[in-house]
Amino acid sequence: MKPKHPIIALSIVALLAAAPVHAGWKHQGQQLDSYTSQPITSEPLSLEESEKLTFMREEEKLARDVYLTLYEQWKHPVFSNISSSEQRHMEAMERQLDNYEIVDPVMDDSIGMFTNTDLANLYAELIAKGQTSLIDALMLGALIEEIDIEDLQHAIADSTHPDLTQTYENLIRGSRNHLRAFVRQIESLGVPYTAQALDQLQVEIILEQPMEQGRTTRGRR
């Protein structure tokens, strides 16, 4: 990660020491999640997969909570719209935790409440930065989405379960769309956008592509 935001960057690195989780698995079945068309298998997740799934659940909550709070500050619809999407991402992660019988770290769904104390501290840090100006808030949103994309890329690379992989792929598609939405708002204010966490070339490729449509399997069995 590039050290353009040293405080945030150091905090994000620390987040990989996520709260303990308990791995397990769902008995074999053919249940389908709305973020994946892949059947859930009986094979348990590895410890690493379990930890990443648990972390992603709270990372999606972090994004939702930050956007809800920044919407109250700035009343910009982009924060409200994307917070609703982050809520769906949270729910997708919750379903996967339930599928594999892993303890949900979201014990309290209130804004700013996290099991992971590093995430709780990071939330306060991000809000303080995002309340200084609208452009700072929009840049913060773009940074969160870049970090989310990076973390999802790692989770996809380490996943050995097709249903979990497809869920992550749907989430990363959403995060790319969120990044495009934030950058569009930033540039509409006359501010050029430079990558904050990902490689510049990767960000440019994402921004050059149109909004993506995700697969939905709602109603399928």
C-alpha atoms as a PDB file:
ATOM      1  CA  MET A   1       0.000   0.000   0.000  1.00  0.00           C
ATOM      2  CA  LYS A   2       1.344   3.389  -0.889  1.00  0.00           C
ATOM      3  CA  PRO A   3       2.148   5.615   2.107  1.00  0.00           C
ATOM      4  CA  LYS A   4       0.110   8.588   0.894  1.00  0.00           C
ATOM      5  CA  HIS A   5      -2.090   8.342   3.987  1.00  0.00           C
ATOM      6  CA  PRO A   6       0.389   7.055   6.614  1.00  0.00           C
ATOM      7  CA  ILE A   7      -1.957   7.008   9.593  1.00  0.00           C
ATOM      8  CA  ILE A   8      -4.695   5.200   7.709  1.00  0.00           C
ATOM      9  CA  ALA A   9      -2.246   2.891   5.955  1.00  0.00           C
ATOM     10  CA  LEU A  10      -0.640   1.780   9.224  1.00  0.00           C
ATOM     11  CA  SER A  11      -4.036   1.205  10.761  1.00  0.00           C
ATOM     12  CA  ILE A  12      -5.194  -0.918   7.843  1.00  0.00           C
ATOM     13  CA  VAL A  13      -2.092  -3.096   8.069  1.00  0.00           C
ATOM     14  CA  ALA A  14      -2.824  -3.668  11.744  1.00  0.00           C
ATOM     15  CA  LEU A  15      -6.332  -4.869  10.942  1.00  0.00           C
ATOM     16  CA  LEU A  16      -5.079  -8.189   9.603  1.00  0.00           C
ATOM     17  CA  ALA A  17      -4.728  -9.264  13.226  1.00  0.00           C
ATOM     18  CA  ALA A  18      -8.488  -9.713  13.356  1.00  0.00           C
ATOM     19  CA  ALA A  19     -10.518 -10.942  16.314  1.00  0.00           C
ATOM     20  CA  PRO A  20     -10.495 -14.715  16.968  1.00  0.00           C
ATOM     21  CA  VAL A  21     -12.994 -16.798  15.050  1.00  0.00           C
ATOM     22  CA  HIS A  22     -14.270 -20.324  15.352  1.00  0.00           C
ATOM     23  CA  ALA A  23     -14.225 -22.333  12.140  1.00  0.00           C
ATOM     24  CA  GLY A  24     -16.889 -24.855  11.334  1.00  0.00           C
ATOM     25  CA  TRP A  25     -19.089 -25.989   8.497  1.00  0.00           C
ATOM     26  CA  LYS A  26     -22.624 -26.495   7.387  1.00  0.00           C
ATOM     27  CA  HIS A  27     -23.817 -30.020   6.761  1.00  0.00           C
ATOM     28  CA  GLN A  28     -23.926 -30.871   3.078  1.00  0.00           C
ATOM     29  CA  GLY A  29     -26.774 -29.281   1.145  1.00  0.00           C
ATOM     30  CA  GLN A  30     -27.651 -27.350  -1.970  1.00  0.00           C
ATOM     31  CA  GLN A  31     -28.530 -23.992  -0.440  1.00  0.00           C
ATOM     32  CA  LEU A  32     -27.817 -20.971  -2.590  1.00  0.00           C
ATOM     33  CA  ASP A  33     -26.890 -17.496  -1.465  1.00  0.00           C
ATOM     34  CA  SER A  34     -28.109 -14.388  -3.276  1.00  0.00           C
ATOM     35  CA  TYR A  35     -24.474 -13.438  -3.981  1.00  0.00           C
ATOM     36  CA  THR A  36     -23.508 -16.825  -5.386  1.00  0.00           C
ATOM     37  CA  SER A  37     -25.042 -19.510  -7.578  1.00  0.00           C
ATOM     38  CA  GLN A  38     -22.564 -22.078  -6.264  1.00  0.00           C
ATOM     39  CA  PRO A  39     -23.875 -24.770  -3.873  1.00  0.00           C
ATOM     40  CA  ILE A  40     -22.509 -24.733  -0.341  1.00  0.00           C
ATOM     41  CA  THR A  41     -20.196 -27.677   0.326  1.00  0.00           C
ATOM     42  CA  SER A  42     -19.593 -29.659   3.498  1.00  0.00           C
ATOM     43  CA  GLU A  43     -15.833 -29.034   3.411  1.00  0.00           C
ATOM     44  CA  PRO A  44     -14.816 -26.730   6.274  1.00  0.00           C
ATOM     45  CA  LEU A  45     -12.986 -23.477   5.676  1.00  0.00           C
ATOM     46  CA  SER A  46      -9.327 -23.301   6.568  1.00  0.00           C
ATOM     47  CA  LEU A  47      -8.343 -21.114   9.514  1.00  0.00           C
ATOM     48  CA  GLU A  48      -7.060 -18.484   7.089  1.00  0.00           C
ATOM     49  CA  GLU A  49     -10.307 -18.519   5.091  1.00  0.00           C
ATOM     50  CA  SER A  50     -12.326 -18.253   8.301  1.00  0.00           C
ATOM     51  CA  GLU A  51     -10.280 -15.317   9.552  1.00  0.00           C
ATOM     52  CA  LYS A  52     -10.573 -13.479   6.240  1.00  0.00           C
ATOM     53  CA  LEU A  53     -14.319 -14.049   6.065  1.00  0.00           C
ATOM     54  CA  THR A  54     -14.717 -12.734   9.608  1.00  0.00           C
ATOM     55  CA  PHE A  55     -12.542  -9.733   8.827  1.00  0.00           C
ATOM     56  CA  MET A  56     -14.445  -8.952   5.606  1.00  0.00           C
ATOM     57  CA  ARG A  57     -17.738  -8.987   7.539  1.00  0.00           C
ATOM     58  CA  GLU A  58     -16.532  -6.198   9.821  1.00  0.00           C
ATOM     59  CA  GLU A  59     -14.689  -4.370   7.035  1.00  0.00           C
ATOM     60  CA  GLU A  60     -17.973  -4.095   5.126  1.00  0.00           C
ATOM     61  CA  LYS A  61     -19.573  -2.795   8.315  1.00  0.00           C
ATOM     62  CA  LEU A  62     -16.794  -0.235   8.650  1.00  0.00           C
ATOM     63  CA  ALA A  63     -17.550   1.060   5.155  1.00  0.00           C
ATOM     64  CA  ARG A  64     -21.292   1.168   5.837  1.00  0.00           C
ATOM     65  CA  ASP A  65     -20.867   2.971   9.155  1.00  0.00           C
ATOM     66  CA  VAL A  66     -18.454   5.538   7.729  1.00  0.00           C
ATOM     67  CA  TYR A  67     -20.757   6.308   4.802  1.00  0.00           C
ATOM     68  CA  LEU A  68     -23.850   6.607   7.000  1.00  0.00           C
ATOM     69  CA  THR A  69     -22.017   9.003   9.296  1.00  0.00           C
ATOM     70  CA  LEU A  70     -20.617  11.070   6.430  1.00  0.00           C
ATOM     71  CA  TYR A  71     -24.070  11.284   4.867  1.00  0.00           C
ATOM     72  CA  GLU A  72     -25.357  12.845   8.096  1.00  0.00           C
ATOM     73  CA  GLN A  73     -22.518  15.360   7.891  1.00  0.00           C
ATOM     74  CA  TRP A  74     -22.658  16.252   4.186  1.00  0.00           C
ATOM     75  CA  LYS A  75     -26.086  15.048   2.949  1.00  0.00           C
ATOM     76  CA  HIS A  76     -24.453  13.931  -0.287  1.00  0.00           C
ATOM     77  CA  PRO A  77     -26.527  11.143  -1.879  1.00  0.00           C
ATOM     78  CA  VAL A  78     -23.457   9.119  -2.910  1.00  0.00           C
ATOM     79  CA  PHE A  79     -22.875   8.208   0.753  1.00  0.00           C
ATOM     80  CA  SER A  80     -26.478   7.176   1.286  1.00  0.00           C
ATOM     81  CA  ASN A  81     -26.602   5.128  -1.908  1.00  0.00           C
ATOM     82  CA  ILE A  82     -23.358   3.284  -1.278  1.00  0.00           C
ATOM     83  CA  SER A  83     -24.112   2.666   2.401  1.00  0.00           C
ATOM     84  CA  SER A  84     -27.185   0.705   1.270  1.00  0.00           C
ATOM     85  CA  SER A  85     -24.974  -1.414  -0.969  1.00  0.00           C
ATOM     86  CA  GLU A  86     -22.516  -1.969   1.879  1.00  0.00           C
ATOM     87  CA  GLN A  87     -25.418  -3.193   3.998  1.00  0.00           C
ATOM     88  CA  ARG A  88     -26.112  -5.858   1.376  1.00  0.00           C
ATOM     89  CA  HIS A  89     -22.424  -6.756   1.360  1.00  0.00           C
ATOM     90  CA  MET A  90     -22.546  -7.154   5.128  1.00  0.00           C
ATOM     91  CA  GLU A  91     -25.548  -9.434   4.819  1.00  0.00           C
ATOM     92  CA  ALA A  92     -23.786 -11.554   2.194  1.00  0.00           C
ATOM     93  CA  MET A  93     -20.865 -12.019   4.575  1.00  0.00           C
ATOM     94  CA  GLU A  94     -23.230 -12.845   7.420  1.00  0.00           C
ATOM     95  CA  ARG A  95     -24.892 -15.565   5.354  1.00  0.00           C
ATOM     96  CA  GLN A  96     -21.527 -17.123   4.574  1.00  0.00           C
ATOM     97  CA  LEU A  97     -20.558 -17.054   8.241  1.00  0.00           C
ATOM     98  CA  ASP A  98     -23.807 -18.823   9.014  1.00  0.00           C
ATOM     99  CA  ASN A  99     -23.306 -21.292   6.158  1.00  0.00           C
ATOM    100  CA  TYR A 100     -19.974 -22.389   7.608  1.00  0.00           C
ATOM    101  CA  GLU A 101     -21.037 -22.020  11.259  1.00  0.00           C
ATOM    102  CA  ILE A 102     -18.481 -19.350  12.073  1.00  0.00           C
ATOM    103  CA  VAL A 103     -19.147 -16.956  14.923  1.00  0.00           C
ATOM    104  CA  ASP A 104     -20.337 -13.567  13.650  1.00  0.00           C
ATOM    105  CA  PRO A 105     -18.059 -10.784  14.956  1.00  0.00           C
ATOM    106  CA  VAL A 106     -20.886  -8.235  14.641  1.00  0.00           C
ATOM    107  CA  MET A 107     -22.283  -8.549  18.148  1.00  0.00           C
ATOM    108  CA  ASP A 108     -23.674  -5.008  18.063  1.00  0.00           C
ATOM    109  CA  ASP A 109     -24.816  -3.582  14.723  1.00  0.00           C
ATOM    110  CA  SER A 110     -24.802  -0.003  16.005  1.00  0.00           C
ATOM    111  CA  ILE A 111     -22.751   2.495  14.033  1.00  0.00           C
ATOM    112  CA  GLY A 112     -19.138   2.570  15.199  1.00  0.00           C
ATOM    113  CA  MET A 113     -19.352  -0.634  17.249  1.00  0.00           C
ATOM    114  CA  PHE A 114     -16.828  -3.365  16.354  1.00  0.00           C
ATOM    115  CA  THR A 115     -15.514  -6.534  17.948  1.00  0.00           C
ATOM    116  CA  ASN A 116     -12.141  -5.747  16.408  1.00  0.00           C
ATOM    117  CA  THR A 117     -10.762  -2.849  18.463  1.00  0.00           C
ATOM    118  CA  ASP A 118      -8.469  -1.801  15.607  1.00  0.00           C
ATOM    119  CA  LEU A 119     -11.533  -1.335  13.412  1.00  0.00           C
ATOM    120  CA  ALA A 120     -13.259   0.644  16.145  1.00  0.00           C
ATOM    121  CA  ASN A 121     -10.260   2.960  16.397  1.00  0.00           C
ATOM    122  CA  LEU A 122      -9.991   3.212  12.622  1.00  0.00           C
ATOM    123  CA  TYR A 123     -13.656   4.172  12.356  1.00  0.00           C
ATOM    124  CA  ALA A 124     -13.079   7.159  14.655  1.00  0.00           C
ATOM    125  CA  GLU A 125      -9.945   8.092  12.738  1.00  0.00           C
ATOM    126  CA  LEU A 126     -11.684   7.953   9.352  1.00  0.00           C
ATOM    127  CA  ILE A 127     -14.688   9.945  10.541  1.00  0.00           C
ATOM    128  CA  ALA A 128     -12.452  12.698  11.897  1.00  0.00           C
ATOM    129  CA  LYS A 129     -10.757  12.944   8.517  1.00  0.00           C
ATOM    130  CA  GLY A 130     -14.003  12.791   6.534  1.00  0.00           C
ATOM    131  CA  GLN A 131     -15.638  15.602   8.465  1.00  0.00           C
ATOM    132  CA  THR A 132     -13.074  18.231   7.492  1.00  0.00           C
ATOM    133  CA  SER A 133     -14.502  18.901   4.012  1.00  0.00           C
ATOM    134  CA  LEU A 134     -16.718  17.302   1.374  1.00  0.00           C
ATOM    135  CA  ILE A 135     -13.776  16.622  -0.927  1.00  0.00           C
ATOM    136  CA  ASP A 136     -11.911  14.918   1.940  1.00  0.00           C
ATOM    137  CA  ALA A 137     -15.001  12.821   2.627  1.00  0.00           C
ATOM    138  CA  LEU A 138     -15.260  11.757  -1.027  1.00  0.00           C
ATOM    139  CA  MET A 139     -11.538  10.983  -1.176  1.00  0.00           C
ATOM    140  CA  LEU A 140     -11.951   8.916   1.974  1.00  0.00           C
ATOM    141  CA  GLY A 141     -14.775   6.959   0.353  1.00  0.00           C
ATOM    142  CA  ALA A 142     -12.570   6.221  -2.651  1.00  0.00           C
ATOM    143  CA  LEU A 143      -9.734   5.133  -0.354  1.00  0.00           C
ATOM    144  CA  ILE A 144     -12.016   2.731   1.526  1.00  0.00           C
ATOM    145  CA  GLU A 145     -13.132   1.172  -1.757  1.00  0.00           C
ATOM    146  CA  GLU A 146      -9.557   0.766  -2.993  1.00  0.00           C
ATOM    147  CA  ILE A 147      -8.628  -0.972   0.251  1.00  0.00           C
ATOM    148  CA  ASP A 148     -11.755  -3.128   0.027  1.00  0.00           C
ATOM    149  CA  ILE A 149     -10.807  -4.172  -3.518  1.00  0.00           C
ATOM    150  CA  GLU A 150      -7.292  -5.037  -2.381  1.00  0.00           C
ATOM    151  CA  ASP A 151      -8.510  -7.109   0.562  1.00  0.00           C
ATOM    152  CA  LEU A 152     -11.080  -8.917  -1.589  1.00  0.00           C
ATOM    153  CA  GLN A 153      -8.407  -9.735  -4.159  1.00  0.00           C
ATOM    154  CA  HIS A 154      -6.388 -11.442  -1.421  1.00  0.00           C
ATOM    155  CA  ALA A 155      -9.478 -13.245  -0.112  1.00  0.00           C
ATOM    156  CA  ILE A 156     -10.311 -14.525  -3.608  1.00  0.00           C
ATOM    157  CA  ALA A 157      -6.749 -15.720  -4.144  1.00  0.00           C
ATOM    158  CA  ASP A 158      -6.819 -17.697  -0.897  1.00  0.00           C
ATOM    159  CA  SER A 159     -10.341 -19.115  -1.207  1.00  0.00           C
ATOM    160  CA  THR A 160     -10.764 -22.796  -2.095  1.00  0.00           C
ATOM    161  CA  HIS A 161     -14.585 -22.804  -1.886  1.00  0.00           C
ATOM    162  CA  PRO A 162     -16.466 -21.869  -5.107  1.00  0.00           C
ATOM    163  CA  ASP A 163     -19.463 -20.435  -3.255  1.00  0.00           C
ATOM    164  CA  LEU A 164     -17.261 -18.180  -1.120  1.00  0.00           C
ATOM    165  CA  THR A 165     -15.134 -17.182  -4.106  1.00  0.00           C
ATOM    166  CA  GLN A 166     -18.184 -16.162  -6.105  1.00  0.00           C
ATOM    167  CA  THR A 167     -19.529 -14.133  -3.189  1.00  0.00           C
ATOM    168  CA  TYR A 168     -16.222 -12.268  -2.973  1.00  0.00           C
ATOM    169  CA  GLU A 169     -16.240 -11.716  -6.743  1.00  0.00           C
ATOM    170  CA  ASN A 170     -19.688 -10.124  -6.532  1.00  0.00           C
ATOM    171  CA  LEU A 171     -18.531  -7.919  -3.676  1.00  0.00           C
ATOM    172  CA  ILE A 172     -15.402  -6.785  -5.515  1.00  0.00           C
ATOM    173  CA  ARG A 173     -17.547  -5.922  -8.526  1.00  0.00           C
ATOM    174  CA  GLY A 174     -19.623  -3.728  -6.235  1.00  0.00           C
ATOM    175  CA  SER A 175     -16.520  -2.115  -4.777  1.00  0.00           C
ATOM    176  CA  ARG A 176     -15.252  -1.248  -8.258  1.00  0.00           C
ATOM    177  CA  ASN A 177     -18.590   0.430  -8.951  1.00  0.00           C
ATOM    178  CA  HIS A 178     -18.374   2.316  -5.663  1.00  0.00           C
ATOM    179  CA  LEU A 179     -14.882   3.539  -6.543  1.00  0.00           C
ATOM    180  CA  ARG A 180     -16.154   4.772  -9.912  1.00  0.00           C
ATOM    181  CA  ALA A 181     -19.027   6.592  -8.204  1.00  0.00           C
ATOM    182  CA  PHE A 182     -16.783   8.349  -5.699  1.00  0.00           C
ATOM    183  CA  VAL A 183     -14.226   9.332  -8.330  1.00  0.00           C
ATOM    184  CA  ARG A 184     -16.962  10.694 -10.566  1.00  0.00           C
ATOM    185  CA  GLN A 185     -18.076  12.965  -7.722  1.00  0.00           C
ATOM    186  CA  ILE A 186     -14.496  14.003  -6.934  1.00  0.00           C
ATOM    187  CA  GLU A 187     -13.749  14.909 -10.535  1.00  0.00           C
ATOM    188  CA  SER A 188     -17.062  16.780 -10.859  1.00  0.00           C
ATOM    189  CA  LEU A 189     -15.630  19.157  -8.252  1.00  0.00           C
ATOM    190  CA  GLY A 190     -12.606  19.771 -10.471  1.00  0.00           C
ATOM    191  CA  VAL A 191     -10.195  17.614  -8.477  1.00  0.00           C
ATOM    192  CA  PRO A 192      -8.117  15.025 -10.379  1.00  0.00           C
ATOM    193  CA  TYR A 193      -8.023  11.595  -8.793  1.00  0.00           C
ATOM    194  CA  THR A 194      -4.843   9.654  -8.059  1.00  0.00           C
ATOM    195  CA  ALA A 195      -4.746   6.109  -6.693  1.00  0.00           C
ATOM    196  CA  GLN A 196      -4.408   5.969  -2.906  1.00  0.00           C
ATOM    197  CA  ALA A 197      -3.936   2.277  -2.121  1.00  0.00           C
ATOM    198  CA  LEU A 198      -3.945   0.286  -5.368  1.00  0.00           C
ATOM    199  CA  ASP A 199      -1.499   0.708  -8.234  1.00  0.00           C
ATOM    200  CA  GLN A 200      -2.308   3.721 -10.400  1.00  0.00           C
ATOM    201  CA  LEU A 201      -2.610   1.559 -13.513  1.00  0.00           C
ATOM    202  CA  GLN A 202      -5.104  -0.768 -11.835  1.00  0.00           C
ATOM    203  CA  VAL A 203      -7.231   2.181 -10.746  1.00  0.00           C
ATOM    204  CA  GLU A 204      -7.109   3.698 -14.224  1.00  0.00           C
ATOM    205  CA  ILE A 205      -8.263   0.409 -15.750  1.00  0.00           C
ATOM    206  CA  ILE A 206     -11.166   0.224 -13.279  1.00  0.00           C
ATOM    207  CA  LEU A 207     -12.198   3.821 -13.947  1.00  0.00           C
ATOM    208  CA  GLU A 208     -12.084   3.362 -17.716  1.00  0.00           C
ATOM    209  CA  GLN A 209     -14.630   0.556 -17.544  1.00  0.00           C
ATOM    210  CA  PRO A 210     -18.402   1.179 -17.313  1.00  0.00           C
ATOM    211  CA  MET A 211     -20.463   0.329 -14.258  1.00  0.00           C
ATOM    212  CA  GLU A 212     -20.735  -3.436 -13.888  1.00  0.00           C
ATOM    213  CA  GLN A 213     -23.894  -5.458 -13.452  1.00  0.00           C
ATOM    214  CA  GLY A 214     -23.666  -8.164 -10.809  1.00  0.00           C
ATOM    215  CA  ARG A 215     -25.152 -11.624 -11.038  1.00  0.00           C
ATOM    216  CA  THR A 216     -28.183 -12.146  -8.889  1.00  0.00           C
ATOM    217  CA  THR A 217     -29.659 -15.475  -7.939  1.00  0.00           C
ATOM    218  CA  ARG A 218     -32.478 -14.301  -5.743  1.00  0.00           C
ATOM    219  CA  GLY A 219     -35.346 -16.741  -5.807  1.00  0.00           C
ATOM    220  CA  ARG A 220     -33.188 -19.581  -7.124  1.00  0.00           C
ATOM    221  CA  ARG A 221     -33.020 -22.901  -5.332  1.00  0.00           C
END
